[in-house]
Each structure stands twice: as C-alpha cells, then as structure tokens.
C-alpha atoms as a PDB file:
ATOM      1  CA  UNK A   1      17.054  40.249  13.722  1.00  0.00           C
ATOM      2  CA  UNK A   2      14.589  37.933  15.248  1.00  0.00           C
ATOM      3  CA  UNK A   3      11.560  39.201  13.248  1.00  0.00           C
ATOM      4  CA  UNK A   4      13.448  38.677   9.979  1.00  0.00           C
ATOM      5  CA  UNK A   5      14.511  35.032  11.186  1.00  0.00           C
ATOM      6  CA  UNK A   6      10.736  34.252  12.092  1.00  0.00           C
ATOM      7  CA  UNK A   7       9.499  35.619   8.650  1.00  0.00           C
ATOM      8  CA  UNK A   8      11.888  33.661   6.814  1.00  0.00           C
ATOM      9  CA  UNK A   9      10.902  30.498   8.737  1.00  0.00           C
ATOM     10  CA  UNK A  10       7.217  31.413   8.005  1.00  0.00           C
ATOM     11  CA  UNK A  11       7.673  31.874   4.658  1.00  0.00           C
ATOM     12  CA  UNK A  12      10.022  28.771   4.218  1.00  0.00           C
ATOM     13  CA  UNK A  13       7.310  26.407   5.953  1.00  0.00           C
ATOM     14  CA  UNK A  14       4.434  27.903   3.774  1.00  0.00           C
ATOM     15  CA  UNK A  15       6.399  26.998   0.754  1.00  0.00           C
ATOM     16  CA  UNK A  16       7.030  23.612   1.691  1.00  0.00           C
ATOM     17  CA  UNK A  17       3.411  23.100   2.699  1.00  0.00           C
ATOM     18  CA  UNK A  18       2.269  24.106  -0.784  1.00  0.00           C
ATOM     19  CA  UNK A  19       4.925  22.146  -2.617  1.00  0.00           C
ATOM     20  CA  UNK A  20       4.509  19.066  -4.815  1.00  0.00           C
ATOM     21  CA  UNK A  21       6.722  17.478  -2.498  1.00  0.00           C
ATOM     22  CA  UNK A  22       4.469  18.059   0.382  1.00  0.00           C
ATOM     23  CA  UNK A  23       1.382  16.556  -1.615  1.00  0.00           C
ATOM     24  CA  UNK A  24       3.354  13.846  -2.939  1.00  0.00           C
ATOM     25  CA  UNK A  25       4.487  12.762   0.665  1.00  0.00           C
ATOM     26  CA  UNK A  26       0.886  12.556   1.599  1.00  0.00           C
ATOM     27  CA  UNK A  27      -0.168  10.663  -1.533  1.00  0.00           C
ATOM     28  CA  UNK A  28       2.757   8.371  -0.886  1.00  0.00           C
ATOM     29  CA  UNK A  29       1.468   7.320   2.578  1.00  0.00           C
ATOM     30  CA  UNK A  30      -1.985   6.700   1.036  1.00  0.00           C
ATOM     31  CA  UNK A  31      -0.565   4.534  -1.704  1.00  0.00           C
ATOM     32  CA  UNK A  32       1.831   2.791   1.016  1.00  0.00           C
ATOM     33  CA  UNK A  33      -1.473   1.850   2.881  1.00  0.00           C
ATOM     34  CA  UNK A  34      -3.649   1.015   0.044  1.00  0.00           C
ATOM     35  CA  UNK A  35      -1.110  -1.610  -1.415  1.00  0.00           C
ATOM     36  CA  UNK A  36      -0.758  -3.030   2.146  1.00  0.00           C
ATOM     37  CA  UNK A  37      -4.494  -3.217   2.397  1.00  0.00           C
ATOM     38  CA  UNK A  38      -4.894  -4.854  -0.858  1.00  0.00           C
ATOM     39  CA  UNK A  39      -2.164  -7.385   0.091  1.00  0.00           C
ATOM     40  CA  UNK A  40      -3.760  -7.939   3.663  1.00  0.00           C
ATOM     41  CA  UNK A  41      -7.220  -8.666   2.080  1.00  0.00           C
ATOM     42  CA  UNK A  42      -5.653 -10.947  -0.827  1.00  0.00           C
ATOM     43  CA  UNK A  43      -3.987 -12.825   1.867  1.00  0.00           C
ATOM     44  CA  UNK A  44      -7.151 -13.448   3.883  1.00  0.00           C
ATOM     45  CA  UNK A  45      -8.936 -14.463   0.726  1.00  0.00           C
ATOM     46  CA  UNK A  46      -6.314 -16.871  -0.307  1.00  0.00           C
ATOM     47  CA  UNK A  47      -5.253 -18.271   2.934  1.00  0.00           C
ATOM     48  CA  UNK A  48      -8.295 -18.172   5.330  1.00  0.00           C
ATOM     49  CA  UNK A  49     -11.054 -18.194   2.804  1.00  0.00           C
ATOM     50  CA  UNK A  50      -9.361 -20.603   0.186  1.00  0.00           C
ATOM     51  CA  UNK A  51     -10.275 -18.201  -2.529  1.00  0.00           C
ATOM     52  CA  UNK A  52     -13.897 -20.193  -2.456  1.00  0.00           C
ATOM     53  CA  UNK A  53     -16.855 -17.978  -3.217  1.00  0.00           C
ATOM     54  CA  UNK A  54     -18.909 -19.942  -0.762  1.00  0.00           C
ATOM     55  CA  UNK A  55     -16.650 -17.971   1.899  1.00  0.00           C
ATOM     56  CA  UNK A  56     -17.395 -14.295   0.390  1.00  0.00           C
ATOM     57  CA  UNK A  57     -19.441 -13.349   3.596  1.00  0.00           C
ATOM     58  CA  UNK A  58     -16.675 -14.522   5.744  1.00  0.00           C
ATOM     59  CA  UNK A  59     -14.188 -12.205   3.583  1.00  0.00           C
ATOM     60  CA  UNK A  60     -16.520  -9.097   4.272  1.00  0.00           C
ATOM     61  CA  UNK A  61     -16.383 -10.043   7.991  1.00  0.00           C
ATOM     62  CA  UNK A  62     -12.612 -10.382   8.146  1.00  0.00           C
ATOM     63  CA  UNK A  63     -12.042  -7.206   5.967  1.00  0.00           C
ATOM     64  CA  UNK A  64     -14.211  -5.217   8.431  1.00  0.00           C
ATOM     65  CA  UNK A  65     -12.328  -6.871  11.207  1.00  0.00           C
ATOM     66  CA  UNK A  66      -8.863  -6.316   9.979  1.00  0.00           C
ATOM     67  CA  UNK A  67      -9.524  -2.557   9.297  1.00  0.00           C
ATOM     68  CA  UNK A  68     -10.710  -2.292  12.708  1.00  0.00           C
ATOM     69  CA  UNK A  69      -7.701  -3.675  14.336  1.00  0.00           C
ATOM     70  CA  UNK A  70      -4.961  -2.583  11.824  1.00  0.00           C
ATOM     71  CA  UNK A  71      -6.101   0.649   9.809  1.00  0.00           C
ATOM     72  CA  UNK A  72      -8.096   2.444  12.474  1.00  0.00           C
ATOM     73  CA  UNK A  73      -6.403   5.649  13.631  1.00  0.00           C
ATOM     74  CA  UNK A  74      -6.647   7.612  16.807  1.00  0.00           C
ATOM     75  CA  UNK A  75      -7.386  11.272  17.607  1.00  0.00           C
ATOM     76  CA  UNK A  76      -3.767  11.888  18.439  1.00  0.00           C
ATOM     77  CA  UNK A  77      -2.052  10.132  15.340  1.00  0.00           C
ATOM     78  CA  UNK A  78      -0.418  12.011  12.896  1.00  0.00           C
ATOM     79  CA  UNK A  79      -1.822  12.877   9.466  1.00  0.00           C
ATOM     80  CA  UNK A  80       0.615  10.590   7.942  1.00  0.00           C
ATOM     81  CA  UNK A  81      -0.697   7.900  10.022  1.00  0.00           C
ATOM     82  CA  UNK A  82      -4.208   8.668   9.207  1.00  0.00           C
ATOM     83  CA  UNK A  83      -3.416   8.751   5.427  1.00  0.00           C
ATOM     84  CA  UNK A  84      -1.879   5.341   5.456  1.00  0.00           C
ATOM     85  CA  UNK A  85      -4.759   4.041   7.284  1.00  0.00           C
ATOM     86  CA  UNK A  86      -7.263   5.451   4.972  1.00  0.00           C
ATOM     87  CA  UNK A  87      -5.385   4.014   2.067  1.00  0.00           C
ATOM     88  CA  UNK A  88      -5.315   0.589   3.826  1.00  0.00           C
ATOM     89  CA  UNK A  89      -9.114   0.862   4.295  1.00  0.00           C
ATOM     90  CA  UNK A  90      -9.549   1.582   0.722  1.00  0.00           C
ATOM     91  CA  UNK A  91      -7.352  -1.140  -0.550  1.00  0.00           C
ATOM     92  CA  UNK A  92      -8.808  -3.897   1.153  1.00  0.00           C
ATOM     93  CA  UNK A  93     -12.422  -2.722   0.445  1.00  0.00           C
ATOM     94  CA  UNK A  94     -11.433  -2.469  -3.252  1.00  0.00           C
ATOM     95  CA  UNK A  95     -10.228  -6.269  -3.060  1.00  0.00           C
ATOM     96  CA  UNK A  96     -13.465  -7.182  -1.307  1.00  0.00           C
ATOM     97  CA  UNK A  97     -15.429  -5.496  -3.860  1.00  0.00           C
ATOM     98  CA  UNK A  98     -13.727  -7.284  -6.577  1.00  0.00           C
ATOM     99  CA  UNK A  99     -14.425 -10.611  -5.272  1.00  0.00           C
ATOM    100  CA  UNK A 100     -17.817  -9.621  -4.370  1.00  0.00           C
ATOM    101  CA  UNK A 101     -18.568  -8.815  -8.143  1.00  0.00           C
ATOM    102  CA  UNK A 102     -16.425 -11.681  -9.279  1.00  0.00           C
ATOM    103  CA  UNK A 103     -18.433 -14.160  -6.821  1.00  0.00           C
ATOM    104  CA  UNK A 104     -21.802 -12.828  -8.131  1.00  0.00           C
ATOM    105  CA  UNK A 105     -21.048 -12.938 -11.464  1.00  0.00           C
ATOM    106  CA  UNK A 106     -19.633 -16.759 -11.248  1.00  0.00           C
ATOM    107  CA  UNK A 107     -23.089 -17.637  -9.538  1.00  0.00           C
ATOM    108  CA  UNK A 108     -25.349 -15.964 -12.063  1.00  0.00           C
END
C-alpha cells in the first residue's frame, strides 16, 4: 500500500512539474519582477533624475545600485524569488537601455 502511495505521489509530482501551469507560474514570477523593475527604473528616471539626459550616467549608477539592494537573490532563496529578481533586473536594464538610446539619439 505504501509503495502504491509513493508511486502515485511521485507520478503526480512529475506531472505537475511538467505541466504548463508550472511553467506559467515560473513565467509569471519573472514577469512580475520585470514589471516592478521597469516601474522602479522609470520612477528613478522621473523623480531622481528629472527625466534629463544630462543625468543619464546617474541613472546607470542608480539602476545598478537598486538591483544590488532590491533584486539580488541569495543562495538560500527559492526558485520563485530568483525568477522574480531576474525579471526585476531585466526590467530595469531594459528601461536604462531605452533612455541611453534615446539620450544618445537626442544628442546627435
């Protein structure tokens, strides 16, 4: 009886791990992090740097600092935390790159 329960539990766990639901949960953590990262970088640009291209190097420093203090995971963190943090980093870097390109194009 115990062997059947173990096999059933193992089969159920394997099915759940390979299902689209498990993948979408992973993706949604990254996406939530990405969205928050974009909002954080946008907030820094608008409120700390005044949306001014003269401050683009400040934005780069501030994004790196924010990532290290808010979107940096530790070895004991869950996969969900890591996924969220990776999304946050990607979202912030995307906004930074957009403004770097915009400011470079405005300058030339």
